[in-house]
Amino acid sequence: MKKNMVELHTANVEEQSACQSWALWESGDVSEFSYEYDQDVEFIVQQGKAAIHSQFGDCVNIIAGSRVIIRAGVFGRWDIQSAITNRYAYF
């Protein structure tokens, strides 16, 4: 397994504030979807709960306040337990 392909942190107050200018994504009524990341992305969960599974066999559980970095090359499967709202930026 590649190290640090999906990183999970807790967003601090400054990060929560700074991300408010980032693009907004909402899952709506979707309960599961897959996505192949072709570039690095960082997002901070505003609300909701989900598990992200990668092709490397790891699983990251996210909730409001989670700061997540997903590296290019990850194929992620999202299992959404309650509707997710994220602020995200590609880098």
N, C-alpha and C. Protein backbone atom coordinates (compact mmCIF):
# COMPACT_ATOMS: atom_id res chain seq x y z
N MET A 1 0.84 -1.19 0.00
CA MET A 1 0.00 0.00 0.00
C MET A 1 0.88 1.25 0.00
N LYS A 2 0.53 2.22 -0.82
CA LYS A 2 1.26 3.48 -0.83
C LYS A 2 0.92 4.25 0.43
N LYS A 3 1.92 4.85 1.04
CA LYS A 3 1.69 5.61 2.27
C LYS A 3 1.09 6.97 1.96
N ASN A 4 0.20 7.39 2.83
CA ASN A 4 -0.37 8.73 2.81
C ASN A 4 -1.09 9.09 1.51
N MET A 5 -1.72 8.11 0.88
CA MET A 5 -2.51 8.41 -0.31
C MET A 5 -3.84 9.06 0.07
N VAL A 6 -4.35 8.73 1.25
CA VAL A 6 -5.52 9.38 1.82
C VAL A 6 -5.15 9.77 3.24
N GLU A 7 -5.11 11.08 3.49
CA GLU A 7 -4.73 11.58 4.81
C GLU A 7 -5.95 12.16 5.51
N LEU A 8 -6.08 11.87 6.79
CA LEU A 8 -7.19 12.38 7.59
C LEU A 8 -6.63 13.19 8.75
N HIS A 9 -7.14 14.41 8.90
CA HIS A 9 -6.76 15.31 9.99
C HIS A 9 -8.03 15.95 10.54
N THR A 10 -7.89 16.62 11.65
CA THR A 10 -8.98 17.44 12.17
C THR A 10 -8.66 18.88 11.83
N ALA A 11 -9.59 19.55 11.15
CA ALA A 11 -9.37 20.93 10.74
C ALA A 11 -9.39 21.84 11.96
N ASN A 12 -8.39 22.74 12.03
CA ASN A 12 -8.38 23.71 13.11
C ASN A 12 -9.24 24.93 12.72
N VAL A 13 -9.37 25.87 13.62
CA VAL A 13 -10.23 27.03 13.40
C VAL A 13 -9.79 27.83 12.16
N GLU A 14 -8.49 28.03 12.00
CA GLU A 14 -7.98 28.79 10.85
C GLU A 14 -8.30 28.07 9.53
N GLU A 15 -8.13 26.75 9.51
CA GLU A 15 -8.42 25.97 8.29
C GLU A 15 -9.92 26.01 7.98
N GLN A 16 -10.74 25.90 9.00
CA GLN A 16 -12.20 25.97 8.80
C GLN A 16 -12.58 27.32 8.19
N SER A 17 -11.97 28.39 8.66
CA SER A 17 -12.26 29.73 8.15
C SER A 17 -11.73 29.90 6.73
N ALA A 18 -10.50 29.48 6.48
CA ALA A 18 -9.87 29.66 5.16
C ALA A 18 -10.60 28.90 4.06
N CYS A 19 -11.16 27.75 4.37
CA CYS A 19 -11.79 26.93 3.33
C CYS A 19 -13.12 27.48 2.86
N GLN A 20 -13.67 28.47 3.51
CA GLN A 20 -14.99 28.99 3.13
C GLN A 20 -15.00 29.61 1.74
N SER A 21 -13.82 29.94 1.20
CA SER A 21 -13.74 30.49 -0.17
C SER A 21 -13.56 29.38 -1.21
N TRP A 22 -13.38 28.14 -0.78
CA TRP A 22 -13.20 27.01 -1.70
C TRP A 22 -14.53 26.62 -2.32
N ALA A 23 -14.45 25.83 -3.38
CA ALA A 23 -15.65 25.33 -4.05
C ALA A 23 -16.47 24.47 -3.09
N LEU A 24 -17.78 24.46 -3.30
CA LEU A 24 -18.71 23.71 -2.46
C LEU A 24 -19.18 22.47 -3.21
N TRP A 25 -19.21 21.33 -2.51
CA TRP A 25 -19.75 20.09 -3.07
C TRP A 25 -20.73 19.50 -2.08
N GLU A 26 -21.89 19.07 -2.59
CA GLU A 26 -22.90 18.44 -1.76
C GLU A 26 -23.29 17.10 -2.38
N SER A 27 -23.40 16.09 -1.54
CA SER A 27 -23.71 14.75 -2.05
C SER A 27 -25.17 14.58 -2.43
N GLY A 28 -26.04 15.37 -1.85
CA GLY A 28 -27.47 15.20 -2.10
C GLY A 28 -27.95 13.86 -1.56
N ASP A 29 -28.80 13.18 -2.32
CA ASP A 29 -29.39 11.91 -1.87
C ASP A 29 -28.56 10.69 -2.21
N VAL A 30 -27.37 10.88 -2.78
CA VAL A 30 -26.52 9.76 -3.17
C VAL A 30 -26.03 9.03 -1.93
N SER A 31 -26.09 7.70 -1.95
CA SER A 31 -25.62 6.93 -0.79
C SER A 31 -24.26 6.27 -1.05
N GLU A 32 -23.90 6.12 -2.34
CA GLU A 32 -22.60 5.52 -2.67
C GLU A 32 -22.19 5.97 -4.07
N PHE A 33 -20.91 6.26 -4.24
CA PHE A 33 -20.38 6.54 -5.56
C PHE A 33 -18.88 6.29 -5.55
N SER A 34 -18.31 6.16 -6.74
CA SER A 34 -16.87 5.96 -6.89
C SER A 34 -16.29 7.10 -7.71
N TYR A 35 -15.02 7.43 -7.43
CA TYR A 35 -14.37 8.53 -8.13
C TYR A 35 -12.88 8.24 -8.22
N GLU A 36 -12.32 8.47 -9.43
CA GLU A 36 -10.88 8.31 -9.62
C GLU A 36 -10.25 9.69 -9.60
N TYR A 37 -9.34 9.91 -8.66
CA TYR A 37 -8.70 11.21 -8.47
C TYR A 37 -7.49 11.32 -9.38
N ASP A 38 -7.54 12.26 -10.34
CA ASP A 38 -6.43 12.45 -11.26
C ASP A 38 -5.52 13.60 -10.84
N GLN A 39 -5.88 14.26 -9.76
CA GLN A 39 -5.02 15.28 -9.15
C GLN A 39 -5.28 15.30 -7.65
N ASP A 40 -4.33 15.87 -6.91
CA ASP A 40 -4.48 15.95 -5.46
C ASP A 40 -5.63 16.90 -5.11
N VAL A 41 -6.40 16.52 -4.11
CA VAL A 41 -7.50 17.36 -3.64
C VAL A 41 -7.48 17.39 -2.12
N GLU A 42 -7.85 18.53 -1.58
CA GLU A 42 -8.02 18.68 -0.13
C GLU A 42 -9.44 19.17 0.09
N PHE A 43 -10.10 18.61 1.11
CA PHE A 43 -11.42 19.11 1.44
C PHE A 43 -11.64 19.07 2.94
N ILE A 44 -12.54 19.93 3.37
CA ILE A 44 -12.94 19.98 4.77
C ILE A 44 -14.44 19.75 4.82
N VAL A 45 -14.83 18.74 5.57
CA VAL A 45 -16.24 18.36 5.68
C VAL A 45 -16.97 19.40 6.52
N GLN A 46 -18.03 19.94 5.95
CA GLN A 46 -18.86 20.94 6.64
C GLN A 46 -19.97 20.27 7.43
N GLN A 47 -20.53 19.20 6.85
CA GLN A 47 -21.56 18.42 7.55
C GLN A 47 -21.66 17.05 6.92
N GLY A 48 -22.22 16.12 7.67
CA GLY A 48 -22.44 14.77 7.18
C GLY A 48 -21.44 13.76 7.70
N LYS A 49 -21.59 12.53 7.20
CA LYS A 49 -20.77 11.41 7.65
C LYS A 49 -20.63 10.42 6.51
N ALA A 50 -19.40 9.94 6.29
CA ALA A 50 -19.15 8.97 5.22
C ALA A 50 -17.89 8.18 5.50
N ALA A 51 -17.72 7.10 4.75
CA ALA A 51 -16.49 6.31 4.76
C ALA A 51 -15.96 6.31 3.33
N ILE A 52 -14.66 6.55 3.19
CA ILE A 52 -14.01 6.52 1.88
C ILE A 52 -13.08 5.32 1.86
N HIS A 53 -13.30 4.43 0.90
CA HIS A 53 -12.48 3.23 0.74
C HIS A 53 -11.61 3.43 -0.49
N SER A 54 -10.32 3.09 -0.40
CA SER A 54 -9.44 3.20 -1.57
C SER A 54 -9.12 1.80 -2.10
N GLN A 55 -8.52 1.76 -3.28
CA GLN A 55 -8.12 0.50 -3.88
C GLN A 55 -6.96 -0.14 -3.12
N PHE A 56 -6.37 0.58 -2.17
CA PHE A 56 -5.27 0.05 -1.37
C PHE A 56 -5.76 -0.70 -0.13
N GLY A 57 -7.09 -0.75 0.05
CA GLY A 57 -7.65 -1.50 1.15
C GLY A 57 -7.89 -0.70 2.42
N ASP A 58 -7.56 0.59 2.40
CA ASP A 58 -7.79 1.38 3.60
C ASP A 58 -9.18 2.01 3.57
N CYS A 59 -9.62 2.45 4.74
CA CYS A 59 -10.93 3.08 4.89
C CYS A 59 -10.75 4.27 5.83
N VAL A 60 -11.24 5.44 5.40
CA VAL A 60 -11.17 6.65 6.20
C VAL A 60 -12.60 7.07 6.51
N ASN A 61 -12.92 7.21 7.78
CA ASN A 61 -14.24 7.66 8.21
C ASN A 61 -14.20 9.16 8.45
N ILE A 62 -15.11 9.89 7.80
CA ILE A 62 -15.11 11.34 7.89
C ILE A 62 -16.41 11.85 8.48
N ILE A 63 -16.30 12.97 9.20
CA ILE A 63 -17.43 13.66 9.81
C ILE A 63 -17.17 15.16 9.69
N ALA A 64 -18.12 15.97 10.11
CA ALA A 64 -17.93 17.41 10.10
C ALA A 64 -16.65 17.76 10.85
N GLY A 65 -15.83 18.61 10.23
CA GLY A 65 -14.56 19.01 10.82
C GLY A 65 -13.37 18.19 10.34
N SER A 66 -13.63 17.13 9.59
CA SER A 66 -12.53 16.33 9.03
C SER A 66 -11.87 17.10 7.90
N ARG A 67 -10.54 17.10 7.90
CA ARG A 67 -9.74 17.67 6.81
C ARG A 67 -9.08 16.49 6.11
N VAL A 68 -9.36 16.32 4.84
CA VAL A 68 -8.91 15.14 4.10
C VAL A 68 -8.10 15.57 2.89
N ILE A 69 -7.00 14.88 2.67
CA ILE A 69 -6.20 15.06 1.46
C ILE A 69 -6.18 13.72 0.74
N ILE A 70 -6.61 13.74 -0.52
CA ILE A 70 -6.58 12.53 -1.35
C ILE A 70 -5.61 12.79 -2.50
N ARG A 71 -4.65 11.92 -2.65
CA ARG A 71 -3.60 12.08 -3.66
C ARG A 71 -4.05 11.54 -5.02
N ALA A 72 -3.48 12.13 -6.07
CA ALA A 72 -3.73 11.65 -7.43
C ALA A 72 -3.39 10.17 -7.51
N GLY A 73 -4.23 9.42 -8.22
CA GLY A 73 -4.02 7.99 -8.37
C GLY A 73 -4.91 7.15 -7.49
N VAL A 74 -5.63 7.79 -6.57
CA VAL A 74 -6.55 7.04 -5.71
C VAL A 74 -7.88 6.83 -6.45
N PHE A 75 -8.38 5.61 -6.38
CA PHE A 75 -9.73 5.30 -6.82
C PHE A 75 -10.54 5.10 -5.55
N GLY A 76 -11.43 6.05 -5.25
CA GLY A 76 -12.16 6.01 -3.99
C GLY A 76 -13.61 5.63 -4.16
N ARG A 77 -14.10 4.83 -3.23
CA ARG A 77 -15.52 4.50 -3.16
C ARG A 77 -16.07 5.12 -1.90
N TRP A 78 -17.03 5.99 -2.05
CA TRP A 78 -17.66 6.69 -0.94
C TRP A 78 -18.93 5.96 -0.51
N ASP A 79 -19.04 5.67 0.79
CA ASP A 79 -20.27 5.17 1.39
C ASP A 79 -20.78 6.28 2.29
N ILE A 80 -21.87 6.91 1.89
CA ILE A 80 -22.38 8.08 2.62
C ILE A 80 -23.47 7.66 3.58
N GLN A 81 -23.23 7.93 4.87
CA GLN A 81 -24.21 7.59 5.90
C GLN A 81 -25.21 8.72 6.15
N SER A 82 -24.76 9.96 6.03
CA SER A 82 -25.65 11.12 6.05
C SER A 82 -25.08 12.15 5.09
N ALA A 83 -25.96 12.88 4.43
CA ALA A 83 -25.57 13.78 3.34
C ALA A 83 -24.33 14.61 3.69
N ILE A 84 -23.39 14.63 2.77
CA ILE A 84 -22.11 15.30 2.96
C ILE A 84 -22.10 16.65 2.26
N THR A 85 -21.53 17.64 2.91
CA THR A 85 -21.21 18.93 2.31
C THR A 85 -19.74 19.18 2.58
N ASN A 86 -18.98 19.43 1.52
CA ASN A 86 -17.53 19.68 1.62
C ASN A 86 -17.18 21.01 0.99
N ARG A 87 -16.12 21.61 1.48
CA ARG A 87 -15.42 22.70 0.79
C ARG A 87 -14.13 22.09 0.30
N TYR A 88 -13.83 22.22 -1.01
CA TYR A 88 -12.67 21.52 -1.56
C TYR A 88 -11.83 22.40 -2.48
N ALA A 89 -10.57 22.01 -2.64
CA ALA A 89 -9.65 22.69 -3.57
C ALA A 89 -8.68 21.67 -4.12
N TYR A 90 -8.41 21.75 -5.42
CA TYR A 90 -7.39 20.92 -6.06
C TYR A 90 -6.06 21.65 -5.98
N PHE A 91 -4.98 20.87 -5.85
CA PHE A 91 -3.65 21.49 -5.81
C PHE A 91 -2.63 20.60 -6.45
